[in-house]
Amino acid sequence: MALYIRDDTVDDLASELQKLSKAPNKTEAVRRALQHELDRIRQEVPLRERVAKIQEKFRARMGSKKPNFDMKRFTDEMWEL
Protein backbone atom coordinates (compact mmCIF):
# COMPACT_ATOMS: atom_id res chain seq x y z
CA MET A 1 0.00 0.00 0.00
CA ALA A 2 1.32 3.41 -0.94
CA LEU A 3 1.78 6.32 1.41
CA TYR A 4 0.88 9.63 -0.18
CA ILE A 5 2.16 12.82 1.40
CA ARG A 6 -0.26 15.61 0.61
CA ASP A 7 1.11 18.19 3.03
CA ASP A 8 3.90 20.33 1.58
CA THR A 9 5.56 20.83 4.96
CA VAL A 10 5.65 17.08 5.63
CA ASP A 11 6.98 16.48 2.12
CA ASP A 12 9.74 19.04 2.73
CA LEU A 13 10.62 17.36 6.04
CA ALA A 14 10.76 13.96 4.34
CA SER A 15 13.03 15.36 1.63
CA GLU A 16 15.35 16.95 4.17
CA LEU A 17 15.47 13.72 6.18
CA GLN A 18 16.24 11.77 3.02
CA LYS A 19 19.16 14.05 2.21
CA LEU A 20 20.59 14.18 5.74
CA SER A 21 20.22 10.44 6.37
CA LYS A 22 21.37 9.55 2.85
CA ALA A 23 18.34 7.34 2.40
CA PRO A 24 17.87 6.14 -1.19
CA ASN A 25 14.37 7.68 -1.35
CA LYS A 26 11.75 9.48 0.72
CA THR A 27 9.86 6.26 1.41
CA GLU A 28 12.93 4.73 3.05
CA ALA A 29 13.58 7.92 5.01
CA VAL A 30 10.02 7.93 6.33
CA ARG A 31 10.19 4.18 7.11
CA ARG A 32 13.39 4.66 9.12
CA ALA A 33 11.95 7.67 10.96
CA LEU A 34 8.76 5.83 11.86
CA GLN A 35 10.70 2.75 12.99
CA HIS A 36 13.04 4.88 15.08
CA GLU A 37 10.11 6.64 16.78
CA LEU A 38 8.33 3.34 17.48
CA ASP A 39 11.51 1.88 18.99
CA ARG A 40 11.97 5.00 21.14
CA ILE A 41 8.40 4.89 22.45
CA ARG A 42 8.60 1.15 23.20
CA GLN A 43 11.77 1.67 25.25
CA GLU A 44 10.35 4.61 27.18
CA VAL A 45 9.92 3.93 30.89
CA PRO A 46 6.52 5.04 32.24
CA LEU A 47 6.52 8.03 34.59
CA ARG A 48 5.14 5.93 37.47
CA GLU A 49 8.13 3.56 37.22
CA ARG A 50 10.65 6.42 36.96
CA VAL A 51 9.19 8.14 40.04
CA ALA A 52 9.16 4.87 41.98
CA LYS A 53 12.85 4.36 41.19
CA ILE A 54 13.69 7.89 42.37
CA GLN A 55 11.69 7.39 45.56
CA GLU A 56 13.46 4.11 46.22
CA LYS A 57 16.88 5.78 45.86
CA PHE A 58 15.76 8.61 48.15
CA ARG A 59 14.56 6.19 50.83
CA ALA A 60 17.82 4.25 50.62
CA ARG A 61 19.85 7.42 51.20
CA MET A 62 17.63 9.03 53.80
CA GLY A 63 17.02 5.92 55.86
CA SER A 64 13.82 4.99 57.55
CA LYS A 65 11.17 7.50 58.49
CA LYS A 66 11.51 9.01 61.96
CA PRO A 67 7.97 9.47 63.30
CA ASN A 68 9.20 11.53 66.27
CA PHE A 69 11.28 13.91 64.16
CA ASP A 70 10.72 17.52 65.23
CA MET A 71 11.29 19.76 62.21
CA LYS A 72 10.97 22.97 64.26
CA ARG A 73 13.64 21.87 66.72
CA PHE A 74 15.87 20.70 63.87
CA THR A 75 15.50 24.05 62.08
CA ASP A 76 16.12 26.03 65.28
CA GLU A 77 19.29 24.04 65.92
CA MET A 78 20.42 24.54 62.37
CA TRP A 79 19.97 28.31 62.71
CA GLU A 80 21.29 28.28 66.27
CA LEU A 81 18.11 29.79 67.75
C-alpha atoms as a PDB file:
ATOM      1  CA  MET A   1       0.000   0.000   0.000  1.00  0.00           C
ATOM      2  CA  ALA A   2       1.321   3.414  -0.945  1.00  0.00           C
ATOM      3  CA  LEU A   3       1.784   6.321   1.405  1.00  0.00           C
ATOM      4  CA  TYR A   4       0.882   9.626  -0.180  1.00  0.00           C
ATOM      5  CA  ILE A   5       2.163  12.821   1.398  1.00  0.00           C
ATOM      6  CA  ARG A   6      -0.262  15.607   0.611  1.00  0.00           C
ATOM      7  CA  ASP A   7       1.108  18.194   3.032  1.00  0.00           C
ATOM      8  CA  ASP A   8       3.898  20.329   1.580  1.00  0.00           C
ATOM      9  CA  THR A   9       5.562  20.831   4.956  1.00  0.00           C
ATOM     10  CA  VAL A  10       5.650  17.082   5.630  1.00  0.00           C
ATOM     11  CA  ASP A  11       6.978  16.476   2.120  1.00  0.00           C
ATOM     12  CA  ASP A  12       9.745  19.036   2.734  1.00  0.00           C
ATOM     13  CA  LEU A  13      10.624  17.355   6.039  1.00  0.00           C
ATOM     14  CA  ALA A  14      10.763  13.963   4.341  1.00  0.00           C
ATOM     15  CA  SER A  15      13.027  15.365   1.627  1.00  0.00           C
ATOM     16  CA  GLU A  16      15.350  16.950   4.172  1.00  0.00           C
ATOM     17  CA  LEU A  17      15.468  13.724   6.178  1.00  0.00           C
ATOM     18  CA  GLN A  18      16.243  11.769   3.023  1.00  0.00           C
ATOM     19  CA  LYS A  19      19.162  14.046   2.207  1.00  0.00           C
ATOM     20  CA  LEU A  20      20.591  14.176   5.737  1.00  0.00           C
ATOM     21  CA  SER A  21      20.223  10.441   6.367  1.00  0.00           C
ATOM     22  CA  LYS A  22      21.374   9.550   2.847  1.00  0.00           C
ATOM     23  CA  ALA A  23      18.337   7.339   2.398  1.00  0.00           C
ATOM     24  CA  PRO A  24      17.867   6.144  -1.191  1.00  0.00           C
ATOM     25  CA  ASN A  25      14.370   7.679  -1.355  1.00  0.00           C
ATOM     26  CA  LYS A  26      11.749   9.480   0.725  1.00  0.00           C
ATOM     27  CA  THR A  27       9.863   6.262   1.407  1.00  0.00           C
ATOM     28  CA  GLU A  28      12.932   4.725   3.049  1.00  0.00           C
ATOM     29  CA  ALA A  29      13.582   7.923   5.008  1.00  0.00           C
ATOM     30  CA  VAL A  30      10.017   7.935   6.334  1.00  0.00           C
ATOM     31  CA  ARG A  31      10.194   4.183   7.107  1.00  0.00           C
ATOM     32  CA  ARG A  32      13.387   4.665   9.120  1.00  0.00           C
ATOM     33  CA  ALA A  33      11.954   7.675  10.964  1.00  0.00           C
ATOM     34  CA  LEU A  34       8.762   5.828  11.859  1.00  0.00           C
ATOM     35  CA  GLN A  35      10.697   2.746  12.990  1.00  0.00           C
ATOM     36  CA  HIS A  36      13.038   4.882  15.080  1.00  0.00           C
ATOM     37  CA  GLU A  37      10.115   6.636  16.776  1.00  0.00           C
ATOM     38  CA  LEU A  38       8.331   3.341  17.476  1.00  0.00           C
ATOM     39  CA  ASP A  39      11.512   1.883  18.990  1.00  0.00           C
ATOM     40  CA  ARG A  40      11.975   4.996  21.140  1.00  0.00           C
ATOM     41  CA  ILE A  41       8.405   4.885  22.453  1.00  0.00           C
ATOM     42  CA  ARG A  42       8.598   1.152  23.199  1.00  0.00           C
ATOM     43  CA  GLN A  43      11.772   1.667  25.252  1.00  0.00           C
ATOM     44  CA  GLU A  44      10.348   4.609  27.184  1.00  0.00           C
ATOM     45  CA  VAL A  45       9.921   3.935  30.894  1.00  0.00           C
ATOM     46  CA  PRO A  46       6.519   5.041  32.237  1.00  0.00           C
ATOM     47  CA  LEU A  47       6.523   8.026  34.591  1.00  0.00           C
ATOM     48  CA  ARG A  48       5.142   5.930  37.466  1.00  0.00           C
ATOM     49  CA  GLU A  49       8.134   3.562  37.221  1.00  0.00           C
ATOM     50  CA  ARG A  50      10.652   6.416  36.962  1.00  0.00           C
ATOM     51  CA  VAL A  51       9.191   8.139  40.042  1.00  0.00           C
ATOM     52  CA  ALA A  52       9.160   4.866  41.984  1.00  0.00           C
ATOM     53  CA  LYS A  53      12.845   4.361  41.192  1.00  0.00           C
ATOM     54  CA  ILE A  54      13.692   7.890  42.375  1.00  0.00           C
ATOM     55  CA  GLN A  55      11.687   7.395  45.564  1.00  0.00           C
ATOM     56  CA  GLU A  56      13.464   4.108  46.219  1.00  0.00           C
ATOM     57  CA  LYS A  57      16.879   5.777  45.862  1.00  0.00           C
ATOM     58  CA  PHE A  58      15.759   8.608  48.146  1.00  0.00           C
ATOM     59  CA  ARG A  59      14.558   6.186  50.833  1.00  0.00           C
ATOM     60  CA  ALA A  60      17.824   4.252  50.622  1.00  0.00           C
ATOM     61  CA  ARG A  61      19.855   7.420  51.196  1.00  0.00           C
ATOM     62  CA  MET A  62      17.631   9.027  53.796  1.00  0.00           C
ATOM     63  CA  GLY A  63      17.024   5.920  55.855  1.00  0.00           C
ATOM     64  CA  SER A  64      13.816   4.990  57.549  1.00  0.00           C
ATOM     65  CA  LYS A  65      11.167   7.502  58.494  1.00  0.00           C
ATOM     66  CA  LYS A  66      11.512   9.011  61.958  1.00  0.00           C
ATOM     67  CA  PRO A  67       7.974   9.470  63.295  1.00  0.00           C
ATOM     68  CA  ASN A  68       9.202  11.532  66.268  1.00  0.00           C
ATOM     69  CA  PHE A  69      11.284  13.913  64.163  1.00  0.00           C
ATOM     70  CA  ASP A  70      10.716  17.523  65.233  1.00  0.00           C
ATOM     71  CA  MET A  71      11.287  19.762  62.212  1.00  0.00           C
ATOM     72  CA  LYS A  72      10.967  22.968  64.262  1.00  0.00           C
ATOM     73  CA  ARG A  73      13.637  21.873  66.717  1.00  0.00           C
ATOM     74  CA  PHE A  74      15.865  20.703  63.873  1.00  0.00           C
ATOM     75  CA  THR A  75      15.499  24.053  62.078  1.00  0.00           C
ATOM     76  CA  ASP A  76      16.117  26.026  65.279  1.00  0.00           C
ATOM     77  CA  GLU A  77      19.293  24.041  65.923  1.00  0.00           C
ATOM     78  CA  MET A  78      20.423  24.544  62.374  1.00  0.00           C
ATOM     79  CA  TRP A  79      19.969  28.309  62.709  1.00  0.00           C
ATOM     80  CA  GLU A  80      21.286  28.284  66.273  1.00  0.00           C
ATOM     81  CA  LEU A  81      18.113  29.791  67.745  1.00  0.00           C
END
